[in-house]
Full PDB file with SEQRES, HELIX, SHEET, SSBOND, CRYST1, ORIGX, SCALE, CONECT and MASTER records, all heavy atoms in Angstrom:
SEQRES   1 A   31  ILE PRO ASN PRO ILE PHE TYR LYS ASP LEU GLY GLY MET          
SEQRES   2 A   31  TYR LEU GLY CYS ASN LYS VAL PHE SER ASP MET LEU GLY          
SEQRES   3 A   31  LEU ARG GLN GLU ASP                                          
HELIX    1 AA1 LYS A   19  LEU A   25  1                                   7    
SHEET    1 AA1 2 PHE A   6  LYS A   8  0                                        
SHEET    2 AA1 2 TYR A  14  CYS A  17 -1                                        
CRYST1    1.000    1.000    1.000  90.00  90.00  90.00 P 1           1          
ORIGX1      1.000000  0.000000  0.000000        0.00000                         
ORIGX2      0.000000  1.000000  0.000000        0.00000                         
ORIGX3      0.000000  0.000000  1.000000        0.00000                         
SCALE1      1.000000  0.000000  0.000000        0.00000                         
SCALE2      0.000000  1.000000  0.000000        0.00000                         
SCALE3      0.000000  0.000000  1.000000        0.00000                         
ATOM      1  N   ILE A   1       0.827  -1.210   0.003  1.00  0.00           N  
ATOM      2  CA  ILE A   1       0.021   0.008  -0.003  1.00  0.00           C  
ATOM      3  C   ILE A   1       0.892   1.261   0.009  1.00  0.00           C  
ATOM      4  O   ILE A   1       1.797   1.360   0.815  1.00  0.00           O  
ATOM      5  CB  ILE A   1      -0.933  -0.024   1.212  1.00  0.00           C  
ATOM      6  CG1 ILE A   1      -1.880  -1.215   1.150  1.00  0.00           C  
ATOM      7  CG2 ILE A   1      -1.740   1.277   1.299  1.00  0.00           C  
ATOM      8  CD1 ILE A   1      -2.784  -1.386   2.332  1.00  0.00           C  
ATOM      9  N   PRO A   2       0.644   2.190  -0.918  1.00  0.00           N  
ATOM     10  CA  PRO A   2       1.543   3.373  -1.052  1.00  0.00           C  
ATOM     11  C   PRO A   2       1.421   4.366   0.111  1.00  0.00           C  
ATOM     12  O   PRO A   2       2.329   5.212   0.286  1.00  0.00           O  
ATOM     13  CB  PRO A   2       1.141   4.022  -2.377  1.00  0.00           C  
ATOM     14  CG  PRO A   2      -0.274   3.602  -2.581  1.00  0.00           C  
ATOM     15  CD  PRO A   2      -0.384   2.227  -1.973  1.00  0.00           C  
ATOM     16  N   ASN A   3       0.411   4.313   0.899  1.00  0.00           N  
ATOM     17  CA  ASN A   3       0.246   5.267   2.000  1.00  0.00           C  
ATOM     18  C   ASN A   3       0.920   4.676   3.244  1.00  0.00           C  
ATOM     19  O   ASN A   3       1.056   3.485   3.429  1.00  0.00           O  
ATOM     20  CB  ASN A   3      -1.247   5.518   2.295  1.00  0.00           C  
ATOM     21  CG  ASN A   3      -1.843   6.488   1.324  1.00  0.00           C  
ATOM     22  OD1 ASN A   3      -1.264   6.820   0.309  1.00  0.00           O  
ATOM     23  ND2 ASN A   3      -3.044   6.976   1.635  1.00  0.00           N  
ATOM     24  N   PRO A   4       1.338   5.567   4.201  1.00  0.00           N  
ATOM     25  CA  PRO A   4       1.879   5.082   5.460  1.00  0.00           C  
ATOM     26  C   PRO A   4       0.852   4.224   6.206  1.00  0.00           C  
ATOM     27  O   PRO A   4      -0.285   4.648   6.391  1.00  0.00           O  
ATOM     28  CB  PRO A   4       2.220   6.359   6.242  1.00  0.00           C  
ATOM     29  CG  PRO A   4       2.328   7.428   5.206  1.00  0.00           C  
ATOM     30  CD  PRO A   4       1.343   7.048   4.105  1.00  0.00           C  
ATOM     31  N   ILE A   5       1.270   3.022   6.613  1.00  0.00           N  
ATOM     32  CA  ILE A   5       0.379   2.087   7.331  1.00  0.00           C  
ATOM     33  C   ILE A   5       1.109   1.650   8.620  1.00  0.00           C  
ATOM     34  O   ILE A   5       2.297   1.365   8.643  1.00  0.00           O  
ATOM     35  CB  ILE A   5       0.080   0.837   6.490  1.00  0.00           C  
ATOM     36  CG1 ILE A   5      -0.732   1.242   5.257  1.00  0.00           C  
ATOM     37  CG2 ILE A   5      -0.679  -0.190   7.298  1.00  0.00           C  
ATOM     38  CD1 ILE A   5      -2.153   1.627   5.522  1.00  0.00           C  
ATOM     39  N   PHE A   6       0.358   1.582   9.701  1.00  0.00           N  
ATOM     40  CA  PHE A   6       0.867   0.997  10.931  1.00  0.00           C  
ATOM     41  C   PHE A   6      -0.215   0.162  11.577  1.00  0.00           C  
ATOM     42  O   PHE A   6      -1.400   0.304  11.283  1.00  0.00           O  
ATOM     43  CB  PHE A   6       1.317   2.089  11.922  1.00  0.00           C  
ATOM     44  CG  PHE A   6       0.166   2.908  12.448  1.00  0.00           C  
ATOM     45  CD1 PHE A   6      -0.560   2.488  13.563  1.00  0.00           C  
ATOM     46  CD2 PHE A   6      -0.229   4.119  11.839  1.00  0.00           C  
ATOM     47  CE1 PHE A   6      -1.634   3.239  14.054  1.00  0.00           C  
ATOM     48  CE2 PHE A   6      -1.310   4.850  12.279  1.00  0.00           C  
ATOM     49  CZ  PHE A   6      -2.004   4.405  13.434  1.00  0.00           C  
ATOM     50  N   TYR A   7       0.189  -0.735  12.484  1.00  0.00           N  
ATOM     51  CA  TYR A   7      -0.773  -1.445  13.309  1.00  0.00           C  
ATOM     52  C   TYR A   7      -0.116  -1.690  14.664  1.00  0.00           C  
ATOM     53  O   TYR A   7       1.069  -1.870  14.793  1.00  0.00           O  
ATOM     54  CB  TYR A   7      -1.259  -2.757  12.668  1.00  0.00           C  
ATOM     55  CG  TYR A   7      -0.185  -3.736  12.266  1.00  0.00           C  
ATOM     56  CD1 TYR A   7       0.121  -4.806  13.048  1.00  0.00           C  
ATOM     57  CD2 TYR A   7       0.481  -3.574  11.049  1.00  0.00           C  
ATOM     58  CE1 TYR A   7       1.092  -5.760  12.677  1.00  0.00           C  
ATOM     59  CE2 TYR A   7       1.432  -4.484  10.644  1.00  0.00           C  
ATOM     60  CZ  TYR A   7       1.750  -5.559  11.466  1.00  0.00           C  
ATOM     61  OH  TYR A   7       2.718  -6.469  11.086  1.00  0.00           O  
ATOM     62  N   LYS A   8      -0.952  -1.642  15.719  1.00  0.00           N  
ATOM     63  CA  LYS A   8      -0.466  -1.722  17.085  1.00  0.00           C  
ATOM     64  C   LYS A   8      -1.487  -2.367  17.947  1.00  0.00           C  
ATOM     65  O   LYS A   8      -2.667  -2.545  17.548  1.00  0.00           O  
ATOM     66  CB  LYS A   8      -0.120  -0.299  17.621  1.00  0.00           C  
ATOM     67  CG  LYS A   8      -1.345   0.653  17.582  1.00  0.00           C  
ATOM     68  CD  LYS A   8      -0.947   2.059  17.995  1.00  0.00           C  
ATOM     69  CE  LYS A   8      -2.162   2.979  17.938  1.00  0.00           C  
ATOM     70  NZ  LYS A   8      -1.806   4.354  18.344  1.00  0.00           N  
ATOM     71  N   ASP A   9      -1.074  -2.772  19.158  1.00  0.00           N  
ATOM     72  CA  ASP A   9      -2.032  -3.406  20.052  1.00  0.00           C  
ATOM     73  C   ASP A   9      -2.849  -2.348  20.775  1.00  0.00           C  
ATOM     74  O   ASP A   9      -2.637  -1.116  20.609  1.00  0.00           O  
ATOM     75  CB  ASP A   9      -1.287  -4.349  21.062  1.00  0.00           C  
ATOM     76  CG  ASP A   9      -0.323  -3.558  21.956  1.00  0.00           C  
ATOM     77  OD1 ASP A   9      -0.510  -2.349  22.178  1.00  0.00           O  
ATOM     78  OD2 ASP A   9       0.610  -4.211  22.435  1.00  0.00           O  
ATOM     79  N   LEU A  10      -3.759  -2.792  21.582  1.00  0.00           N  
ATOM     80  CA  LEU A  10      -4.662  -1.872  22.228  1.00  0.00           C  
ATOM     81  C   LEU A  10      -3.954  -0.991  23.248  1.00  0.00           C  
ATOM     82  O   LEU A  10      -4.447   0.073  23.650  1.00  0.00           O  
ATOM     83  CB  LEU A  10      -5.816  -2.624  22.904  1.00  0.00           C  
ATOM     84  CG  LEU A  10      -6.785  -3.342  21.958  1.00  0.00           C  
ATOM     85  CD1 LEU A  10      -7.844  -4.116  22.774  1.00  0.00           C  
ATOM     86  CD2 LEU A  10      -7.434  -2.380  21.026  1.00  0.00           C  
ATOM     87  N   GLY A  11      -2.770  -1.418  23.679  1.00  0.00           N  
ATOM     88  CA  GLY A  11      -1.971  -0.616  24.608  1.00  0.00           C  
ATOM     89  C   GLY A  11      -1.138   0.472  23.947  1.00  0.00           C  
ATOM     90  O   GLY A  11      -0.400   1.192  24.629  1.00  0.00           O  
ATOM     91  N   GLY A  12      -1.164   0.528  22.603  1.00  0.00           N  
ATOM     92  CA  GLY A  12      -0.420   1.521  21.869  1.00  0.00           C  
ATOM     93  C   GLY A  12       0.944   1.091  21.481  1.00  0.00           C  
ATOM     94  O   GLY A  12       1.751   1.911  20.967  1.00  0.00           O  
ATOM     95  N   MET A  13       1.304  -0.192  21.598  1.00  0.00           N  
ATOM     96  CA  MET A  13       2.619  -0.716  21.196  1.00  0.00           C  
ATOM     97  C   MET A  13       2.599  -1.110  19.754  1.00  0.00           C  
ATOM     98  O   MET A  13       1.706  -1.877  19.320  1.00  0.00           O  
ATOM     99  CB  MET A  13       3.007  -1.921  22.062  1.00  0.00           C  
ATOM    100  CG  MET A  13       4.473  -2.271  21.999  1.00  0.00           C  
ATOM    101  SD  MET A  13       5.518  -1.098  22.892  1.00  0.00           S  
ATOM    102  CE  MET A  13       4.973  -1.427  24.586  1.00  0.00           C  
ATOM    103  N   TYR A  14       3.538  -0.603  18.985  1.00  0.00           N  
ATOM    104  CA  TYR A  14       3.561  -0.890  17.535  1.00  0.00           C  
ATOM    105  C   TYR A  14       3.907  -2.342  17.280  1.00  0.00           C  
ATOM    106  O   TYR A  14       4.891  -2.866  17.799  1.00  0.00           O  
ATOM    107  CB  TYR A  14       4.564   0.004  16.795  1.00  0.00           C  
ATOM    108  CG  TYR A  14       4.070   1.430  16.588  1.00  0.00           C  
ATOM    109  CD1 TYR A  14       4.658   2.495  17.245  1.00  0.00           C  
ATOM    110  CD2 TYR A  14       3.033   1.667  15.679  1.00  0.00           C  
ATOM    111  CE1 TYR A  14       4.184   3.786  17.044  1.00  0.00           C  
ATOM    112  CE2 TYR A  14       2.543   2.930  15.503  1.00  0.00           C  
ATOM    113  CZ  TYR A  14       3.118   3.996  16.166  1.00  0.00           C  
ATOM    114  OH  TYR A  14       2.644   5.263  15.970  1.00  0.00           O  
ATOM    115  N   LEU A  15       3.051  -3.014  16.502  1.00  0.00           N  
ATOM    116  CA  LEU A  15       3.296  -4.388  16.115  1.00  0.00           C  
ATOM    117  C   LEU A  15       3.943  -4.486  14.749  1.00  0.00           C  
ATOM    118  O   LEU A  15       4.609  -5.460  14.432  1.00  0.00           O  
ATOM    119  CB  LEU A  15       1.967  -5.151  16.077  1.00  0.00           C  
ATOM    120  CG  LEU A  15       1.196  -5.167  17.393  1.00  0.00           C  
ATOM    121  CD1 LEU A  15      -0.166  -5.861  17.198  1.00  0.00           C  
ATOM    122  CD2 LEU A  15       1.967  -5.857  18.497  1.00  0.00           C  
ATOM    123  N   GLY A  16       3.756  -3.464  13.934  1.00  0.00           N  
ATOM    124  CA  GLY A  16       4.324  -3.474  12.585  1.00  0.00           C  
ATOM    125  C   GLY A  16       3.946  -2.213  11.840  1.00  0.00           C  
ATOM    126  O   GLY A  16       3.063  -1.418  12.241  1.00  0.00           O  
ATOM    127  N   CYS A  17       4.610  -1.994  10.688  1.00  0.00           N  
ATOM    128  CA  CYS A  17       4.329  -0.851   9.813  1.00  0.00           C  
ATOM    129  C   CYS A  17       4.944  -1.111   8.472  1.00  0.00           C  
ATOM    130  O   CYS A  17       5.775  -2.017   8.314  1.00  0.00           O  
ATOM    131  CB  CYS A  17       4.854   0.453  10.431  1.00  0.00           C  
ATOM    132  SG  CYS A  17       6.655   0.516  10.532  1.00  0.00           S  
ATOM    133  N   ASN A  18       4.593  -0.327   7.512  1.00  0.00           N  
ATOM    134  CA  ASN A  18       5.291  -0.426   6.208  1.00  0.00           C  
ATOM    135  C   ASN A  18       6.397   0.585   6.118  1.00  0.00           C  
ATOM    136  O   ASN A  18       6.546   1.468   7.001  1.00  0.00           O  
ATOM    137  CB  ASN A  18       4.289  -0.266   5.032  1.00  0.00           C  
ATOM    138  CG  ASN A  18       3.628   1.126   5.009  1.00  0.00           C  
ATOM    139  OD1 ASN A  18       3.893   1.962   5.867  1.00  0.00           O  
ATOM    140  ND2 ASN A  18       2.721   1.315   4.052  1.00  0.00           N  
ATOM    141  N   LYS A  19       7.200   0.488   5.077  1.00  0.00           N  
ATOM    142  CA  LYS A  19       8.389   1.333   4.969  1.00  0.00           C  
ATOM    143  C   LYS A  19       7.993   2.811   4.767  1.00  0.00           C  
ATOM    144  O   LYS A  19       8.683   3.716   5.174  1.00  0.00           O  
ATOM    145  CB  LYS A  19       9.260   0.862   3.803  1.00  0.00           C  
ATOM    146  CG  LYS A  19      10.606   1.582   3.748  1.00  0.00           C  
ATOM    147  CD  LYS A  19      11.493   0.986   2.633  1.00  0.00           C  
ATOM    148  CE  LYS A  19      12.876   1.614   2.700  1.00  0.00           C  
ATOM    149  NZ  LYS A  19      12.833   3.055   2.494  1.00  0.00           N  
ATOM    150  N   VAL A  20       6.863   3.031   4.099  1.00  0.00           N  
ATOM    151  CA  VAL A  20       6.398   4.402   3.917  1.00  0.00           C  
ATOM    152  C   VAL A  20       6.168   5.065   5.277  1.00  0.00           C  
ATOM    153  O   VAL A  20       6.531   6.254   5.451  1.00  0.00           O  
ATOM    154  CB  VAL A  20       5.085   4.422   3.072  1.00  0.00           C  
ATOM    155  CG1 VAL A  20       4.619   5.880   2.867  1.00  0.00           C  
ATOM    156  CG2 VAL A  20       5.318   3.747   1.743  1.00  0.00           C  
ATOM    157  N   PHE A  21       5.621   4.333   6.259  1.00  0.00           N  
ATOM    158  CA  PHE A  21       5.384   4.910   7.580  1.00  0.00           C  
ATOM    159  C   PHE A  21       6.749   5.201   8.301  1.00  0.00           C  
ATOM    160  O   PHE A  21       6.921   6.283   8.908  1.00  0.00           O  
ATOM    161  CB  PHE A  21       4.563   3.924   8.395  1.00  0.00           C  
ATOM    162  CG  PHE A  21       4.261   4.421   9.771  1.00  0.00           C  
ATOM    163  CD1 PHE A  21       3.249   5.316  10.017  1.00  0.00           C  
ATOM    164  CD2 PHE A  21       4.985   3.949  10.859  1.00  0.00           C  
ATOM    165  CE1 PHE A  21       2.968   5.756  11.281  1.00  0.00           C  
ATOM    166  CE2 PHE A  21       4.723   4.373  12.154  1.00  0.00           C  
ATOM    167  CZ  PHE A  21       3.731   5.299  12.373  1.00  0.00           C  
ATOM    168  N   SER A  22       7.648   4.248   8.232  1.00  0.00           N  
ATOM    169  CA  SER A  22       8.965   4.489   8.888  1.00  0.00           C  
ATOM    170  C   SER A  22       9.712   5.611   8.220  1.00  0.00           C  
ATOM    171  O   SER A  22      10.369   6.378   8.946  1.00  0.00           O  
ATOM    172  CB  SER A  22       9.819   3.180   8.869  1.00  0.00           C  
ATOM    173  OG  SER A  22      10.139   2.820   7.487  1.00  0.00           O  
ATOM    174  N   ASP A  23       9.654   5.749   6.931  1.00  0.00           N  
ATOM    175  CA  ASP A  23      10.290   6.900   6.253  1.00  0.00           C  
ATOM    176  C   ASP A  23       9.635   8.210   6.689  1.00  0.00           C  
ATOM    177  O   ASP A  23      10.319   9.248   6.807  1.00  0.00           O  
ATOM    178  CB  ASP A  23      10.157   6.755   4.729  1.00  0.00           C  
ATOM    179  CG  ASP A  23      11.049   5.620   4.198  1.00  0.00           C  
ATOM    180  OD1 ASP A  23      11.931   5.198   4.918  1.00  0.00           O  
ATOM    181  OD2 ASP A  23      10.790   5.201   3.021  1.00  0.00           O  
ATOM    182  N   MET A  24       8.338   8.209   6.914  1.00  0.00           N  
ATOM    183  CA  MET A  24       7.640   9.399   7.359  1.00  0.00           C  
ATOM    184  C   MET A  24       8.180   9.833   8.705  1.00  0.00           C  
ATOM    185  O   MET A  24       8.305  11.042   8.975  1.00  0.00           O  
ATOM    186  CB  MET A  24       6.123   9.138   7.435  1.00  0.00           C  
ATOM    187  CG  MET A  24       5.294  10.369   7.840  1.00  0.00           C  
ATOM    188  SD  MET A  24       3.515   9.951   7.978  1.00  0.00           S  
ATOM    189  CE  MET A  24       3.564   9.073   9.562  1.00  0.00           C  
ATOM    190  N   LEU A  25       8.501   8.875   9.608  1.00  0.00           N  
ATOM    191  CA  LEU A  25       9.039   9.217  10.920  1.00  0.00           C  
ATOM    192  C   LEU A  25      10.534   9.381  10.931  1.00  0.00           C  
ATOM    193  O   LEU A  25      11.097   9.856  11.935  1.00  0.00           O  
ATOM    194  CB  LEU A  25       8.652   8.143  11.967  1.00  0.00           C  
ATOM    195  CG  LEU A  25       7.143   7.947  12.201  1.00  0.00           C  
ATOM    196  CD1 LEU A  25       6.923   6.949  13.322  1.00  0.00           C  
ATOM    197  CD2 LEU A  25       6.458   9.268  12.582  1.00  0.00           C  
ATOM    198  N   GLY A  26      11.184   8.979   9.801  1.00  0.00           N  
ATOM    199  CA  GLY A  26      12.653   9.089   9.779  1.00  0.00           C  
ATOM    200  C   GLY A  26      13.353   8.024  10.603  1.00  0.00           C  
ATOM    201  O   GLY A  26      14.451   8.224  11.080  1.00  0.00           O  
ATOM    202  N   LEU A  27      12.684   6.827  10.762  1.00  0.00           N  
ATOM    203  CA  LEU A  27      13.245   5.767  11.541  1.00  0.00           C  
ATOM    204  C   LEU A  27      13.266   4.470  10.724  1.00  0.00           C  
ATOM    205  O   LEU A  27      12.603   4.360   9.717  1.00  0.00           O  
ATOM    206  CB  LEU A  27      12.388   5.507  12.831  1.00  0.00           C  
ATOM    207  CG  LEU A  27      12.303   6.671  13.827  1.00  0.00           C  
ATOM    208  CD1 LEU A  27      11.262   6.339  14.894  1.00  0.00           C  
ATOM    209  CD2 LEU A  27      13.615   6.976  14.452  1.00  0.00           C  
ATOM    210  N   ARG A  28      14.033   3.504  11.203  1.00  0.00           N  
ATOM    211  CA  ARG A  28      14.030   2.159  10.584  1.00  0.00           C  
ATOM    212  C   ARG A  28      12.799   1.420  11.107  1.00  0.00           C  
ATOM    213  O   ARG A  28      12.347   1.624  12.226  1.00  0.00           O  
ATOM    214  CB  ARG A  28      15.273   1.391  10.887  1.00  0.00           C  
ATOM    215  CG  ARG A  28      16.575   2.060  10.342  1.00  0.00           C  
ATOM    216  CD  ARG A  28      17.785   1.180  10.637  1.00  0.00           C  
ATOM    217  NE  ARG A  28      17.882   0.897  12.061  1.00  0.00           N  
ATOM    218  CZ  ARG A  28      18.729   0.027  12.574  1.00  0.00           C  
ATOM    219  NH1 ARG A  28      19.556  -0.668  11.749  1.00  0.00           N  
ATOM    220  NH2 ARG A  28      18.791  -0.179  13.884  1.00  0.00           N  
ATOM    221  N   GLN A  29      12.304   0.493  10.271  1.00  0.00           N  
ATOM    222  CA  GLN A  29      11.137  -0.276  10.698  1.00  0.00           C  
ATOM    223  C   GLN A  29      11.387  -1.047  11.950  1.00  0.00           C  
ATOM    224  O   GLN A  29      10.556  -1.121  12.855  1.00  0.00           O  
ATOM    225  CB  GLN A  29      10.724  -1.221   9.554  1.00  0.00           C  
ATOM    226  CG  GLN A  29      10.009  -0.508   8.398  1.00  0.00           C  
ATOM    227  CD  GLN A  29       9.682  -1.459   7.264  1.00  0.00           C  
ATOM    228  OE1 GLN A  29      10.545  -1.783   6.459  1.00  0.00           O  
ATOM    229  NE2 GLN A  29       8.438  -1.897   7.226  1.00  0.00           N  
ATOM    230  N   GLU A  30      12.595  -1.627  12.085  1.00  0.00           N  
ATOM    231  CA  GLU A  30      12.867  -2.440  13.271  1.00  0.00           C  
ATOM    232  C   GLU A  30      12.948  -1.598  14.528  1.00  0.00           C  
ATOM    233  O   GLU A  30      12.772  -2.129  15.648  1.00  0.00           O  
ATOM    234  CB  GLU A  30      14.161  -3.236  13.058  1.00  0.00           C  
ATOM    235  CG  GLU A  30      15.368  -2.402  12.679  1.00  0.00           C  
ATOM    236  CD  GLU A  30      15.597  -2.330  11.153  1.00  0.00           C  
ATOM    237  OE1 GLU A  30      14.543  -2.413  10.423  1.00  0.00           O  
ATOM    238  OE2 GLU A  30      16.718  -2.254  10.709  1.00  0.00           O  
ATOM    239  N   ASP A  31      13.291  -0.291  14.345  1.00  0.00           N  
ATOM    240  CA  ASP A  31      13.324   0.599  15.520  1.00  0.00           C  
ATOM    241  C   ASP A  31      11.938   1.041  15.987  1.00  0.00           C  
ATOM    242  O   ASP A  31      11.802   1.624  17.064  1.00  0.00           O  
ATOM    243  CB  ASP A  31      14.171   1.860  15.236  1.00  0.00           C  
ATOM    244  CG  ASP A  31      15.637   1.488  15.006  1.00  0.00           C  
ATOM    245  OD1 ASP A  31      16.076   0.483  15.546  1.00  0.00           O  
ATOM    246  OD2 ASP A  31      16.323   2.244  14.253  1.00  0.00           O  
TER     247      ASP A  31                                                      
MASTER        0    0    0    1    2    0    0    6  246    1    0    3          
END                                                                             
């Protein structure tokens, strides 16, 4: 998906994201 995508648990902990999202934050996906 070309748009930034993320998913997280109900406590707000990130479970995953696409590269577009990590680029938007200026971080690596694993970080």
